[in-house]
Amino acid sequence: MAGTNHGHTLAAWTGVIIAFIGFCVSGAFMVLAEPMGFWAGLVVVLLGGAVGLVMRAMGLGQPRKTVTG
């Protein structure tokens, strides 16, 4: 694993940070017993994944390996 850059890209870091913020928001509202805030936090988690995918499609992620054979 030391020879790879798995996750060391702007797309990966941005997606994970947004998803982590959504996870924290959702957890806080779960403790506060506020269902709408909980679901809003889960929407932010999904948004983090979508942002990461879009950024990867824009070329900000790790390049795909080509298989030669």
N, C-alpha and C. Protein backbone atom coordinates (compact mmCIF):
# COMPACT_ATOMS: atom_id res chain seq x y z
N MET A 1 0.79 -1.20 0.00
CA MET A 1 0.00 0.00 0.00
C MET A 1 0.83 1.26 0.00
N ALA A 2 2.07 1.14 0.35
CA ALA A 2 2.89 2.34 0.43
C ALA A 2 3.14 2.95 -0.94
N GLY A 3 2.98 2.17 -2.00
CA GLY A 3 3.26 2.67 -3.33
C GLY A 3 2.08 3.34 -4.01
N THR A 4 0.97 3.52 -3.32
CA THR A 4 -0.20 4.13 -3.95
C THR A 4 -0.50 5.49 -3.33
N ASN A 5 -1.30 6.25 -4.04
CA ASN A 5 -1.75 7.55 -3.54
C ASN A 5 -3.24 7.51 -3.22
N HIS A 6 -3.75 6.38 -2.84
CA HIS A 6 -5.18 6.22 -2.61
C HIS A 6 -5.68 7.24 -1.59
N GLY A 7 -6.58 8.11 -2.03
CA GLY A 7 -7.20 9.07 -1.14
C GLY A 7 -6.43 10.36 -0.94
N HIS A 8 -5.30 10.51 -1.59
CA HIS A 8 -4.50 11.71 -1.40
C HIS A 8 -4.77 12.71 -2.52
N THR A 9 -6.04 13.01 -2.74
CA THR A 9 -6.40 13.95 -3.79
C THR A 9 -7.36 14.99 -3.23
N LEU A 10 -7.48 16.09 -3.96
CA LEU A 10 -8.39 17.15 -3.55
C LEU A 10 -9.83 16.66 -3.53
N ALA A 11 -10.19 15.84 -4.51
CA ALA A 11 -11.56 15.31 -4.58
C ALA A 11 -11.87 14.43 -3.36
N ALA A 12 -10.94 13.58 -2.98
CA ALA A 12 -11.16 12.69 -1.84
C ALA A 12 -11.27 13.47 -0.54
N TRP A 13 -10.35 14.39 -0.32
CA TRP A 13 -10.36 15.16 0.92
C TRP A 13 -11.62 16.02 1.03
N THR A 14 -12.02 16.66 -0.06
CA THR A 14 -13.22 17.50 -0.02
C THR A 14 -14.46 16.68 0.26
N GLY A 15 -14.62 15.56 -0.42
CA GLY A 15 -15.79 14.71 -0.20
C GLY A 15 -15.86 14.18 1.22
N VAL A 16 -14.73 13.76 1.76
CA VAL A 16 -14.71 13.22 3.13
C VAL A 16 -15.00 14.31 4.16
N ILE A 17 -14.45 15.50 3.97
CA ILE A 17 -14.69 16.57 4.93
C ILE A 17 -16.16 16.97 4.94
N ILE A 18 -16.78 17.09 3.76
CA ILE A 18 -18.20 17.43 3.70
C ILE A 18 -19.04 16.33 4.34
N ALA A 19 -18.72 15.07 4.05
CA ALA A 19 -19.46 13.95 4.64
C ALA A 19 -19.29 13.91 6.16
N PHE A 20 -18.09 14.22 6.65
CA PHE A 20 -17.85 14.22 8.09
C PHE A 20 -18.67 15.31 8.78
N ILE A 21 -18.74 16.48 8.15
CA ILE A 21 -19.56 17.56 8.72
C ILE A 21 -21.02 17.13 8.78
N GLY A 22 -21.51 16.49 7.72
CA GLY A 22 -22.89 16.00 7.72
C GLY A 22 -23.12 14.95 8.79
N PHE A 23 -22.14 14.08 9.00
CA PHE A 23 -22.23 13.06 10.04
C PHE A 23 -22.33 13.71 11.42
N CYS A 24 -21.52 14.73 11.66
CA CYS A 24 -21.56 15.43 12.95
C CYS A 24 -22.89 16.15 13.16
N VAL A 25 -23.39 16.79 12.11
CA VAL A 25 -24.69 17.47 12.21
C VAL A 25 -25.78 16.46 12.51
N SER A 26 -25.77 15.36 11.78
CA SER A 26 -26.80 14.33 11.98
C SER A 26 -26.73 13.75 13.39
N GLY A 27 -25.52 13.50 13.87
CA GLY A 27 -25.37 12.97 15.23
C GLY A 27 -25.85 13.93 16.30
N ALA A 28 -25.54 15.22 16.12
CA ALA A 28 -25.98 16.22 17.10
C ALA A 28 -27.49 16.31 17.15
N PHE A 29 -28.13 16.31 15.98
CA PHE A 29 -29.59 16.41 15.97
C PHE A 29 -30.26 15.13 16.44
N MET A 30 -29.56 13.99 16.31
CA MET A 30 -30.12 12.76 16.85
C MET A 30 -30.16 12.83 18.37
N VAL A 31 -29.10 13.36 18.97
CA VAL A 31 -29.07 13.50 20.42
C VAL A 31 -30.12 14.51 20.88
N LEU A 32 -30.34 15.56 20.08
CA LEU A 32 -31.33 16.58 20.43
C LEU A 32 -32.77 16.15 20.10
N ALA A 33 -32.93 14.96 19.53
CA ALA A 33 -34.24 14.40 19.16
C ALA A 33 -34.98 15.31 18.19
N GLU A 34 -34.27 15.80 17.19
CA GLU A 34 -34.85 16.63 16.13
C GLU A 34 -34.72 15.89 14.80
N PRO A 35 -35.78 15.22 14.37
CA PRO A 35 -35.69 14.40 13.16
C PRO A 35 -35.33 15.17 11.89
N MET A 36 -35.82 16.38 11.73
CA MET A 36 -35.52 17.14 10.51
C MET A 36 -34.04 17.48 10.42
N GLY A 37 -33.42 17.83 11.51
CA GLY A 37 -31.99 18.10 11.51
C GLY A 37 -31.17 16.85 11.24
N PHE A 38 -31.64 15.72 11.76
CA PHE A 38 -30.98 14.44 11.50
C PHE A 38 -30.98 14.13 10.01
N TRP A 39 -32.14 14.26 9.38
CA TRP A 39 -32.24 13.96 7.95
C TRP A 39 -31.47 14.98 7.11
N ALA A 40 -31.44 16.22 7.56
CA ALA A 40 -30.65 17.23 6.86
C ALA A 40 -29.16 16.88 6.90
N GLY A 41 -28.70 16.38 8.03
CA GLY A 41 -27.32 15.94 8.14
C GLY A 41 -27.00 14.79 7.21
N LEU A 42 -27.94 13.86 7.05
CA LEU A 42 -27.74 12.75 6.13
C LEU A 42 -27.71 13.22 4.68
N VAL A 43 -28.48 14.25 4.38
CA VAL A 43 -28.43 14.83 3.03
C VAL A 43 -27.05 15.42 2.77
N VAL A 44 -26.47 16.05 3.79
CA VAL A 44 -25.13 16.62 3.64
C VAL A 44 -24.10 15.51 3.44
N VAL A 45 -24.28 14.38 4.11
CA VAL A 45 -23.38 13.23 3.91
C VAL A 45 -23.43 12.78 2.45
N LEU A 46 -24.62 12.64 1.90
CA LEU A 46 -24.76 12.24 0.50
C LEU A 46 -24.20 13.30 -0.44
N LEU A 47 -24.37 14.56 -0.08
CA LEU A 47 -23.81 15.65 -0.87
C LEU A 47 -22.29 15.56 -0.93
N GLY A 48 -21.67 15.16 0.17
CA GLY A 48 -20.22 14.99 0.18
C GLY A 48 -19.76 13.95 -0.81
N GLY A 49 -20.48 12.84 -0.90
CA GLY A 49 -20.15 11.82 -1.89
C GLY A 49 -20.32 12.31 -3.31
N ALA A 50 -21.39 13.05 -3.54
CA ALA A 50 -21.63 13.58 -4.88
C ALA A 50 -20.56 14.60 -5.27
N VAL A 51 -20.18 15.46 -4.34
CA VAL A 51 -19.13 16.45 -4.62
C VAL A 51 -17.82 15.75 -4.95
N GLY A 52 -17.48 14.72 -4.22
CA GLY A 52 -16.26 13.97 -4.49
C GLY A 52 -16.27 13.34 -5.88
N LEU A 53 -17.42 12.77 -6.27
CA LEU A 53 -17.52 12.17 -7.60
C LEU A 53 -17.43 13.21 -8.71
N VAL A 54 -18.08 14.34 -8.51
CA VAL A 54 -18.02 15.41 -9.52
C VAL A 54 -16.60 15.94 -9.65
N MET A 55 -15.93 16.13 -8.52
CA MET A 55 -14.55 16.63 -8.57
C MET A 55 -13.63 15.62 -9.24
N ARG A 56 -13.86 14.34 -9.01
CA ARG A 56 -13.06 13.31 -9.67
C ARG A 56 -13.29 13.34 -11.18
N ALA A 57 -14.56 13.54 -11.58
CA ALA A 57 -14.88 13.63 -13.00
C ALA A 57 -14.23 14.86 -13.63
N MET A 58 -14.01 15.90 -12.85
CA MET A 58 -13.37 17.12 -13.35
C MET A 58 -11.85 16.97 -13.44
N GLY A 59 -11.33 15.84 -12.99
CA GLY A 59 -9.90 15.60 -13.08
C GLY A 59 -9.12 15.91 -11.82
N LEU A 60 -9.81 16.13 -10.71
CA LEU A 60 -9.15 16.45 -9.46
C LEU A 60 -8.92 15.23 -8.58
N GLY A 61 -9.26 14.07 -9.09
CA GLY A 61 -9.03 12.83 -8.35
C GLY A 61 -7.83 12.10 -8.89
N GLN A 62 -7.63 10.90 -8.40
CA GLN A 62 -6.51 10.09 -8.85
C GLN A 62 -6.80 9.54 -10.23
N PRO A 63 -5.83 9.59 -11.14
CA PRO A 63 -6.07 9.08 -12.50
C PRO A 63 -6.30 7.57 -12.49
N ARG A 64 -7.11 7.11 -13.43
CA ARG A 64 -7.39 5.69 -13.54
C ARG A 64 -6.17 4.98 -14.11
N LYS A 65 -5.94 3.76 -13.61
CA LYS A 65 -4.84 2.95 -14.12
C LYS A 65 -5.29 2.26 -15.40
N THR A 66 -4.45 2.26 -16.38
CA THR A 66 -4.77 1.55 -17.62
C THR A 66 -4.18 0.16 -17.57
N VAL A 67 -4.95 -0.80 -18.00
CA VAL A 67 -4.52 -2.20 -18.01
C VAL A 67 -3.93 -2.49 -19.38
N THR A 68 -2.68 -2.90 -19.38
CA THR A 68 -2.05 -3.29 -20.65
C THR A 68 -1.79 -4.78 -20.61
N GLY A 69 -1.96 -5.40 -21.71
CA GLY A 69 -1.74 -6.84 -21.64
C GLY A 69 -1.72 -7.45 -22.90
